[in-house]
């Protein structure tokens, strides 16, 4: 097909010519390369929808286009009234998957395969639905059963990488597969998102930002990439860009709960006057206060006393007075002098922020819990697979293990920048799956 033109796009939607995977790829590629074409596509779809008594073939065309625009409920309604052929069944499956109805999606992928749609892509769709349904082992069996040319495609490499990531079995292989997928299909949104996420988890913010941008430029909108990119923009106080990311999600999915909440948050943040120099100064102080006391070479006596008192950071120490430290068993003048010197190295002193005193985190004695419970608490927080916003809070609070996390209360977490009720509920849900709770719950 020739270079994209407005006429080409409208003709694909409104004509009675052939409509199949090639035309669908043309639509997605055209809009991904030039997002100013989206209103043209949207208008053409609206025209098609206004036509009465659509033929079954035209209903397939309309249903697929509605799916591309994120209008899943309407897309499903139209596709189910279409010709019931291979393309219709495949996109019914994709629509059901987008609506998180995974078992139904699998059934329609199977129907699409029986009707003659490419069996390899149907199986990859089934594997993805199984993975999202919480059955990564079954998904892996489906992926392992595929062989031949499909193994060299970006979609196969992406699905294999995502499935291995869900199994948490081989992180280096996951990254290698995502990189191969991106090299094979440089505009594959899933592969770009997966690779961005891996970089994000490892603190490679610049690489993650660029990959999220590339994934977010794809059409249809990749919701995960837009959400995470918006969060990264918020962290950089680029509120207009963050708002644009959330708005793009809402354009396709007006009731998306997280996008609506994030959009509201960023709209409020961007309306606030910010003294940039004061903000930078606060952030520098906050970074120093969050330094763990374990970063310093303290005596065994001092270290043990601080651990028993639940003192984890320099900030905790600045909220304590000399008298409170000396009241601790086995904590004497020598330890006090050592602590004062440590704080002075960072321009801090005991009692400096005593007016902000908060309840210290209770320490737990490893010997008092079972080996299994101890092993659970020593697992890294990364095992929870939290969203970017929630992970950023964990990093800011210097939380590394599940044991670190459960010693925090809900109020402690909500004090963290950009961490709201949605993120809090996410953390609670992930902890509950392991039989754990935040402090005080």
Protein backbone atom coordinates (compact mmCIF):
# COMPACT_ATOMS: atom_id res chain seq x y z
CA UNK A 1 0.00 0.00 0.00
CA UNK A 2 1.30 3.51 -0.83
CA UNK A 3 2.27 6.27 1.57
CA UNK A 4 -0.43 7.24 4.04
CA UNK A 5 -2.89 9.89 2.94
CA UNK A 6 -6.14 11.14 4.41
CA UNK A 7 -8.00 9.67 1.45
CA UNK A 8 -6.41 6.25 2.05
CA UNK A 9 -7.49 6.24 5.70
CA UNK A 10 -11.05 7.29 4.97
CA UNK A 11 -11.35 4.85 2.09
CA UNK A 12 -10.28 1.90 4.23
CA UNK A 13 -12.99 2.73 6.76
CA UNK A 14 -15.83 3.73 4.44
CA UNK A 15 -15.33 1.69 1.25
CA UNK A 16 -16.53 -1.82 0.50
CA UNK A 17 -13.03 -2.97 -0.43
CA UNK A 18 -11.12 -5.78 1.26
CA UNK A 19 -10.64 -5.32 4.98
CA UNK A 20 -8.25 -7.57 6.89
CA UNK A 21 -5.00 -7.68 8.87
CA UNK A 22 -3.08 -5.71 6.21
CA UNK A 23 -5.56 -2.82 6.29
CA UNK A 24 -5.66 -2.86 10.10
CA UNK A 25 -1.85 -2.64 10.23
CA UNK A 26 -2.01 0.27 7.80
CA UNK A 27 -4.45 2.14 10.07
CA UNK A 28 -2.38 1.62 13.22
CA UNK A 29 0.90 2.47 11.50
CA UNK A 30 -0.50 5.60 9.87
CA UNK A 31 -1.87 7.06 13.10
CA UNK A 32 1.21 6.02 15.10
CA UNK A 33 3.41 7.93 12.66
CA UNK A 34 1.14 11.00 12.62
CA UNK A 35 -1.35 11.44 15.45
CA UNK A 36 -3.04 14.30 13.59
CA UNK A 37 -4.65 11.55 11.52
CA UNK A 38 -6.59 10.27 14.55
CA UNK A 39 -9.47 12.79 14.24
CA UNK A 40 -9.78 11.86 10.55
CA UNK A 41 -10.03 8.19 11.45
CA UNK A 42 -12.48 8.93 14.26
CA UNK A 43 -14.72 10.98 11.94
CA UNK A 44 -14.70 8.24 9.31
CA UNK A 45 -15.70 5.64 11.91
CA UNK A 46 -18.52 7.92 13.09
CA UNK A 47 -19.77 8.17 9.51
CA UNK A 48 -19.71 4.40 9.13
CA UNK A 49 -21.55 3.96 12.41
CA UNK A 50 -24.31 6.32 11.28
CA UNK A 51 -25.12 4.16 8.29
CA UNK A 52 -28.20 2.07 8.82
CA UNK A 53 -28.50 -1.66 8.09
CA UNK A 54 -24.80 -2.48 7.91
CA UNK A 55 -23.91 -5.63 6.04
CA UNK A 56 -22.22 -8.36 8.12
CA UNK A 57 -18.90 -7.53 6.44
CA UNK A 58 -19.32 -3.80 7.17
CA UNK A 59 -20.14 -4.68 10.78
CA UNK A 60 -16.77 -6.43 11.07
CA UNK A 61 -15.04 -3.33 9.71
CA UNK A 62 -16.91 -1.05 12.12
CA UNK A 63 -16.37 -3.35 15.10
CA UNK A 64 -12.61 -3.54 14.55
CA UNK A 65 -12.37 0.25 14.16
CA UNK A 66 -14.37 0.79 17.35
CA UNK A 67 -11.99 -1.58 19.15
CA UNK A 68 -9.01 0.44 17.88
CA UNK A 69 -10.64 3.56 19.32
CA UNK A 70 -11.04 1.88 22.71
CA UNK A 71 -14.84 1.74 22.54
CA UNK A 72 -14.92 -1.84 23.73
CA UNK A 73 -18.56 -2.20 24.79
CA UNK A 74 -19.83 -0.89 21.46
CA UNK A 75 -17.19 -2.85 19.51
CA UNK A 76 -18.29 -6.10 21.13
CA UNK A 77 -21.95 -5.35 20.40
CA UNK A 78 -21.24 -4.69 16.71
CA UNK A 79 -18.81 -7.59 16.19
CA UNK A 80 -21.27 -10.09 17.64
CA UNK A 81 -23.79 -9.00 14.97
CA UNK A 82 -21.25 -9.40 12.14
CA UNK A 83 -20.48 -12.34 9.87
CA UNK A 84 -18.93 -14.48 12.62
CA UNK A 85 -15.88 -15.15 10.46
CA UNK A 86 -12.24 -15.52 11.45
CA UNK A 87 -11.47 -11.77 11.65
CA UNK A 88 -14.61 -11.07 13.67
CA UNK A 89 -13.86 -13.88 16.13
CA UNK A 90 -10.26 -12.71 16.54
CA UNK A 91 -11.29 -9.15 17.34
CA UNK A 92 -14.10 -10.26 19.61
CA UNK A 93 -11.35 -12.08 21.52
CA UNK A 94 -9.13 -8.98 21.61
CA UNK A 95 -12.05 -6.83 22.76
CA UNK A 96 -12.96 -9.28 25.53
CA UNK A 97 -9.31 -9.35 26.60
CA UNK A 98 -9.29 -5.53 26.81
CA UNK A 99 -12.40 -5.81 29.01
CA UNK A 100 -10.54 -8.29 31.28
CA UNK A 101 -12.90 -11.14 30.37
CA UNK A 102 -10.05 -13.57 29.82
CA UNK A 103 -11.84 -16.94 29.73
CA UNK A 104 -14.29 -15.66 27.12
CA UNK A 105 -11.41 -14.22 25.13
CA UNK A 106 -9.71 -17.63 25.03
CA UNK A 107 -12.87 -19.26 23.70
CA UNK A 108 -13.10 -16.75 20.85
CA UNK A 109 -9.39 -17.07 19.99
CA UNK A 110 -10.07 -20.78 19.63
CA UNK A 111 -13.10 -20.02 17.46
CA UNK A 112 -11.00 -17.67 15.31
CA UNK A 113 -8.43 -20.41 14.79
CA UNK A 114 -11.12 -22.90 13.73
CA UNK A 115 -12.53 -20.30 11.33
CA UNK A 116 -9.15 -19.93 9.62
CA UNK A 117 -7.35 -17.05 11.34
CA UNK A 118 -3.56 -17.44 11.65
CA UNK A 119 -3.25 -20.20 14.29
CA UNK A 120 0.06 -18.95 15.70
CA UNK A 121 -1.36 -15.50 16.49
CA UNK A 122 -4.47 -17.08 17.99
CA UNK A 123 -2.26 -19.17 20.28
CA UNK A 124 -0.23 -16.12 21.29
CA UNK A 125 -3.50 -14.39 22.15
CA UNK A 126 -4.53 -17.40 24.25
CA UNK A 127 -1.16 -17.35 26.04
CA UNK A 128 -1.57 -13.65 26.86
CA UNK A 129 -5.09 -14.19 28.21
CA UNK A 130 -3.89 -17.12 30.34
CA UNK A 131 -1.07 -14.98 31.73
CA UNK A 132 -3.42 -12.15 32.68
CA UNK A 133 -5.79 -14.70 34.20
CA UNK A 134 -3.02 -15.67 36.62
CA UNK A 135 -2.01 -18.88 34.84
CA UNK A 136 1.55 -18.21 33.63
CA UNK A 137 2.51 -21.92 33.68
CA UNK A 138 -0.28 -22.74 31.23
CA UNK A 139 0.66 -19.71 29.13
CA UNK A 140 4.26 -20.95 28.95
CA UNK A 141 3.11 -24.34 27.67
CA UNK A 142 1.22 -22.62 24.84
CA UNK A 143 4.22 -20.46 23.92
CA UNK A 144 6.60 -23.43 24.08
CA UNK A 145 4.39 -25.31 21.64
CA UNK A 146 4.97 -22.70 18.92
CA UNK A 147 7.81 -23.09 16.43
CA UNK A 148 8.90 -22.00 12.97
CA UNK A 149 8.76 -18.47 11.49
CA UNK A 150 6.53 -17.20 14.30
CA UNK A 151 9.51 -17.50 16.69
CA UNK A 152 11.24 -14.64 14.86
CA UNK A 153 8.33 -12.19 15.17
CA UNK A 154 8.18 -9.31 17.64
CA UNK A 155 4.84 -10.56 18.98
CA UNK A 156 6.22 -14.01 19.82
CA UNK A 157 9.35 -12.59 21.45
CA UNK A 158 7.24 -10.15 23.48
CA UNK A 159 4.80 -12.81 24.67
CA UNK A 160 7.62 -15.16 25.61
CA UNK A 161 9.43 -12.42 27.54
CA UNK A 162 6.27 -11.35 29.37
CA UNK A 163 5.42 -14.94 30.29
CA UNK A 164 8.90 -15.65 31.66
CA UNK A 165 8.68 -12.37 33.59
CA UNK A 166 5.35 -13.50 35.08
CA UNK A 167 7.02 -16.74 36.16
CA UNK A 168 9.91 -14.72 37.69
CA UNK A 169 12.33 -17.36 36.50
CA UNK A 170 15.07 -15.68 34.44
CA UNK A 171 15.36 -11.84 34.49
CA UNK A 172 18.37 -11.69 32.09
CA UNK A 173 16.47 -13.77 29.52
CA UNK A 174 13.43 -11.51 29.90
CA UNK A 175 15.48 -8.41 29.08
CA UNK A 176 17.24 -10.15 26.16
CA UNK A 177 13.90 -11.23 24.68
CA UNK A 178 12.36 -7.76 25.06
CA UNK A 179 15.42 -6.26 23.34
CA UNK A 180 15.12 -8.74 20.48
CA UNK A 181 11.42 -7.96 20.18
CA UNK A 182 12.11 -4.21 19.99
CA UNK A 183 14.87 -4.77 17.42
CA UNK A 184 12.54 -6.94 15.35
CA UNK A 185 9.53 -4.63 15.58
CA UNK A 186 10.70 -1.21 16.69
CA UNK A 187 7.14 0.02 17.19
CA UNK A 188 5.76 -2.97 19.09
CA UNK A 189 4.02 -1.27 22.05
CA UNK A 190 4.06 -4.32 24.33
CA UNK A 191 7.76 -4.99 23.83
CA UNK A 192 8.63 -1.31 24.31
CA UNK A 193 6.54 -1.20 27.48
CA UNK A 194 8.10 -4.41 28.84
CA UNK A 195 11.64 -3.20 28.23
CA UNK A 196 10.78 0.22 29.71
CA UNK A 197 9.39 -1.46 32.80
CA UNK A 198 12.54 -3.54 33.30
CA UNK A 199 14.69 -0.40 33.03
CA UNK A 200 12.34 1.48 35.35
CA UNK A 201 12.64 -1.24 38.00
CA UNK A 202 16.43 -1.01 37.83
CA UNK A 203 16.50 2.76 38.22
CA UNK A 204 17.48 3.48 34.60
CA UNK A 205 15.13 6.45 34.42
CA UNK A 206 16.38 8.01 31.17
CA UNK A 207 16.22 4.72 29.24
CA UNK A 208 12.80 3.95 30.70
CA UNK A 209 11.51 7.42 29.83
CA UNK A 210 12.56 7.11 26.18
CA UNK A 211 11.07 3.62 25.83
CA UNK A 212 7.80 4.70 27.47
CA UNK A 213 7.66 7.63 25.04
CA UNK A 214 8.09 5.31 22.08
CA UNK A 215 5.44 2.91 23.39
CA UNK A 216 3.06 5.79 24.13
CA UNK A 217 3.39 7.08 20.57
CA UNK A 218 1.87 3.85 19.23
CA UNK A 219 -1.77 3.48 18.22
CA UNK A 220 -3.97 2.15 19.78
CA UNK A 221 -2.93 3.89 22.98
CA UNK A 222 -0.87 1.64 25.28
CA UNK A 223 -2.46 2.40 28.62
CA UNK A 224 0.36 1.06 30.83
CA UNK A 225 2.97 3.12 28.99
CA UNK A 226 0.89 6.29 29.18
CA UNK A 227 0.24 5.84 32.91
CA UNK A 228 3.89 5.20 33.75
CA UNK A 229 5.11 7.96 31.46
CA UNK A 230 2.72 10.37 33.15
CA UNK A 231 4.08 9.39 36.56
CA UNK A 232 7.67 9.98 35.39
CA UNK A 233 6.68 13.39 34.03
CA UNK A 234 5.03 14.22 37.37
CA UNK A 235 8.26 13.30 39.17
CA UNK A 236 10.02 15.85 36.95
CA UNK A 237 7.25 18.40 37.64
CA UNK A 238 6.35 18.41 33.93
CA UNK A 239 2.67 18.52 34.76
CA UNK A 240 1.39 19.55 31.32
CA UNK A 241 3.03 16.52 29.72
CA UNK A 242 1.71 14.25 32.45
CA UNK A 243 -1.80 15.60 31.94
CA UNK A 244 -1.55 14.94 28.18
CA UNK A 245 -0.67 11.30 28.89
CA UNK A 246 -3.68 10.81 31.16
CA UNK A 247 -5.94 12.71 28.73
CA UNK A 248 -4.99 10.34 25.91
CA UNK A 249 -6.12 7.39 28.02
CA UNK A 250 -9.37 9.16 28.89
CA UNK A 251 -10.00 9.96 25.23
CA UNK A 252 -10.17 6.21 24.57
CA UNK A 253 -11.40 5.01 27.98
CA UNK A 254 -13.37 7.86 29.61
CA UNK A 255 -14.06 5.85 32.78
CA UNK A 256 -10.55 4.51 33.34
CA UNK A 257 -10.29 4.84 37.16
CA UNK A 258 -6.55 5.33 37.55
CA UNK A 259 -6.28 7.74 34.62
CA UNK A 260 -9.16 9.81 36.03
CA UNK A 261 -7.56 9.89 39.48
CA UNK A 262 -4.08 10.72 38.16
CA UNK A 263 -5.50 13.41 35.86
CA UNK A 264 -7.25 15.03 38.81
CA UNK A 265 -4.07 14.88 40.90
CA UNK A 266 -1.85 16.40 38.22
CA UNK A 267 -4.39 19.11 37.41
CA UNK A 268 -4.30 20.17 41.06
CA UNK A 269 -0.51 20.00 41.20
CA UNK A 270 0.00 22.08 38.07
CA UNK A 271 -2.28 24.83 39.43
CA UNK A 272 -0.14 25.27 42.52
CA UNK A 273 2.59 27.92 42.71
CA UNK A 274 5.90 26.21 43.31
CA UNK A 275 8.97 27.96 44.63
CA UNK A 276 11.47 25.88 42.67
CA UNK A 277 14.50 26.77 44.77
CA UNK A 278 12.64 26.03 48.02
CA UNK A 279 11.38 22.79 46.51
CA UNK A 280 14.92 21.72 45.57
CA UNK A 281 16.14 22.58 49.05
CA UNK A 282 13.36 20.49 50.64
CA UNK A 283 14.17 17.58 48.38
CA UNK A 284 17.87 17.76 49.28
CA UNK A 285 17.05 17.74 52.99
CA UNK A 286 14.58 14.90 52.50
CA UNK A 287 17.24 12.83 50.72
CA UNK A 288 19.65 13.31 53.60
CA UNK A 289 17.01 12.51 56.22
CA UNK A 290 16.15 9.28 54.38
CA UNK A 291 19.74 7.97 54.51
CA UNK A 292 19.72 4.67 56.44
CA UNK A 293 21.83 4.59 59.61
CA UNK A 294 23.22 1.28 58.33
CA UNK A 295 25.21 3.31 55.76
CA UNK A 296 27.52 4.43 58.59
CA UNK A 297 30.18 2.44 60.42
CA UNK A 298 28.73 2.41 63.94
CA UNK A 299 29.82 0.33 66.88
CA UNK A 300 27.93 -2.91 67.50
CA UNK A 301 26.44 -1.45 70.71
CA UNK A 302 25.12 1.66 68.96
CA UNK A 303 23.81 -0.30 65.99
CA UNK A 304 21.95 -2.77 68.21
CA UNK A 305 20.41 -0.02 70.31
CA UNK A 306 19.15 1.86 67.27
CA UNK A 307 17.69 -1.32 65.80
CA UNK A 308 15.81 -2.12 69.00
CA UNK A 309 14.42 1.42 69.10
CA UNK A 310 13.20 1.11 65.50
CA UNK A 311 15.54 3.88 64.31
CA UNK A 312 16.24 3.33 60.62
CA UNK A 313 17.19 6.70 59.12
CA UNK A 314 18.97 9.92 60.00
CA UNK A 315 15.54 11.55 59.99
CA UNK A 316 14.42 9.22 62.79
CA UNK A 317 17.41 10.35 64.86
CA UNK A 318 16.70 14.05 64.34
CA UNK A 319 13.26 13.48 65.92
CA UNK A 320 14.84 12.06 69.08
CA UNK A 321 16.42 13.95 71.96
CA UNK A 322 19.62 13.06 73.85
CA UNK A 323 17.55 12.10 76.90
CA UNK A 324 15.43 9.66 74.85
CA UNK A 325 18.53 7.94 73.48
CA UNK A 326 20.22 7.75 76.86
CA UNK A 327 17.06 6.23 78.32
CA UNK A 328 17.55 3.20 76.08
CA UNK A 329 19.15 0.20 77.77
CA UNK A 330 22.93 -0.12 77.14
CA UNK A 331 23.07 3.26 75.38
CA UNK A 332 25.68 5.43 77.07
CA UNK A 333 27.70 8.59 76.59
CA UNK A 334 30.14 6.90 74.20
CA UNK A 335 27.33 5.81 71.88
CA UNK A 336 25.74 9.25 72.18
CA UNK A 337 28.97 10.96 71.09
CA UNK A 338 29.23 8.54 68.17
CA UNK A 339 25.69 9.36 67.02
CA UNK A 340 26.23 13.11 67.35
CA UNK A 341 29.37 12.92 65.23
CA UNK A 342 27.55 10.89 62.56
CA UNK A 343 24.76 13.46 62.36
CA UNK A 344 27.18 16.37 62.30
CA UNK A 345 28.83 14.92 59.18
CA UNK A 346 25.51 15.59 57.40
CA UNK A 347 24.80 18.95 59.02
CA UNK A 348 22.18 17.51 61.38
CA UNK A 349 21.72 17.30 65.15
CA UNK A 350 19.67 15.35 67.66
CA UNK A 351 16.24 16.86 68.38
CA UNK A 352 16.43 19.08 65.28
CA UNK A 353 13.01 17.90 64.10
CA UNK A 354 11.64 16.74 67.44
CA UNK A 355 8.51 18.84 66.77
CA UNK A 356 7.75 16.48 63.90
CA UNK A 357 8.04 13.43 66.12
CA UNK A 358 6.23 10.41 64.80
CA UNK A 359 5.91 6.88 66.07
CA UNK A 360 9.04 4.93 65.27
CA UNK A 361 8.72 1.67 63.41
CA UNK A 362 8.71 -1.26 65.80
CA UNK A 363 11.64 -3.55 65.33
CA UNK A 364 11.04 -7.24 65.03
CA UNK A 365 13.25 -9.97 66.41
CA UNK A 366 14.07 -12.54 63.71
CA UNK A 367 14.52 -15.19 66.37
CA UNK A 368 10.94 -14.71 67.52
CA UNK A 369 9.38 -15.74 64.20
CA UNK A 370 9.48 -18.97 62.22
CA UNK A 371 12.08 -19.52 59.48
CA UNK A 372 9.32 -19.45 56.84
CA UNK A 373 7.94 -16.15 58.11
CA UNK A 374 11.44 -14.71 58.30
CA UNK A 375 12.13 -15.79 54.71
CA UNK A 376 8.88 -14.11 53.60
CA UNK A 377 9.76 -10.83 55.30
CA UNK A 378 13.22 -10.88 53.72
CA UNK A 379 11.80 -11.12 50.19
CA UNK A 380 12.40 -7.97 48.09
CA UNK A 381 9.53 -5.56 47.54
CA UNK A 382 10.08 -5.98 43.78
CA UNK A 383 8.37 -9.38 44.16
CA UNK A 384 5.08 -7.51 44.61
CA UNK A 385 5.24 -6.19 41.00
CA UNK A 386 3.91 -2.80 42.06
CA UNK A 387 3.01 -0.01 39.66
CA UNK A 388 5.59 2.67 38.92
CA UNK A 389 3.93 5.19 41.24
CA UNK A 390 3.94 2.77 44.17
CA UNK A 391 7.52 1.63 43.46
CA UNK A 392 8.72 5.25 43.47
CA UNK A 393 7.34 5.63 47.00
CA UNK A 394 9.14 2.48 48.14
CA UNK A 395 12.40 3.91 46.78
CA UNK A 396 11.88 7.31 48.40
CA UNK A 397 11.25 5.67 51.77
CA UNK A 398 14.29 3.38 51.37
CA UNK A 399 12.13 0.27 51.69
CA UNK A 400 13.81 -2.82 50.30
CA UNK A 401 12.14 -5.89 51.80
CA UNK A 402 8.59 -6.88 52.70
CA UNK A 403 9.67 -6.64 56.35
CA UNK A 404 10.58 -2.98 55.76
CA UNK A 405 7.19 -2.34 54.17
CA UNK A 406 4.96 -3.90 56.83
CA UNK A 407 6.62 -1.75 59.50
CA UNK A 408 5.08 1.25 57.75
CA UNK A 409 1.54 2.43 58.43
CA UNK A 410 -0.90 3.62 55.78
CA UNK A 411 -0.35 7.22 56.95
CA UNK A 412 3.42 6.80 56.54
CA UNK A 413 2.96 5.79 52.91
CA UNK A 414 0.40 8.48 52.15
CA UNK A 415 2.89 11.12 53.26
CA UNK A 416 5.11 10.14 50.31
CA UNK A 417 4.99 12.38 47.24
CA UNK A 418 2.59 11.22 44.48
CA UNK A 419 1.38 8.29 46.61
CA UNK A 420 -2.39 8.30 46.96
CA UNK A 421 -5.25 6.06 47.98
CA UNK A 422 -5.12 4.09 44.71
CA UNK A 423 -1.49 3.16 45.30
CA UNK A 424 -2.20 2.41 48.96
CA UNK A 425 -4.98 -0.02 48.04
CA UNK A 426 -2.67 -1.63 45.50
CA UNK A 427 -0.03 -2.23 48.19
CA UNK A 428 -2.64 -3.56 50.61
CA UNK A 429 -3.98 -5.98 48.00
CA UNK A 430 -0.53 -7.30 47.10
CA UNK A 431 0.39 -7.77 50.76
CA UNK A 432 -2.94 -9.49 51.49
CA UNK A 433 -2.13 -12.08 48.81
CA UNK A 434 0.86 -13.05 50.97
CA UNK A 435 -1.06 -12.89 54.25
CA UNK A 436 0.61 -9.62 55.31
CA UNK A 437 -0.68 -6.22 56.41
CA UNK A 438 0.67 -2.74 56.97
CA UNK A 439 1.41 -1.68 60.55
CA UNK A 440 -1.74 -0.88 62.52
CA UNK A 441 -4.12 -2.73 60.20
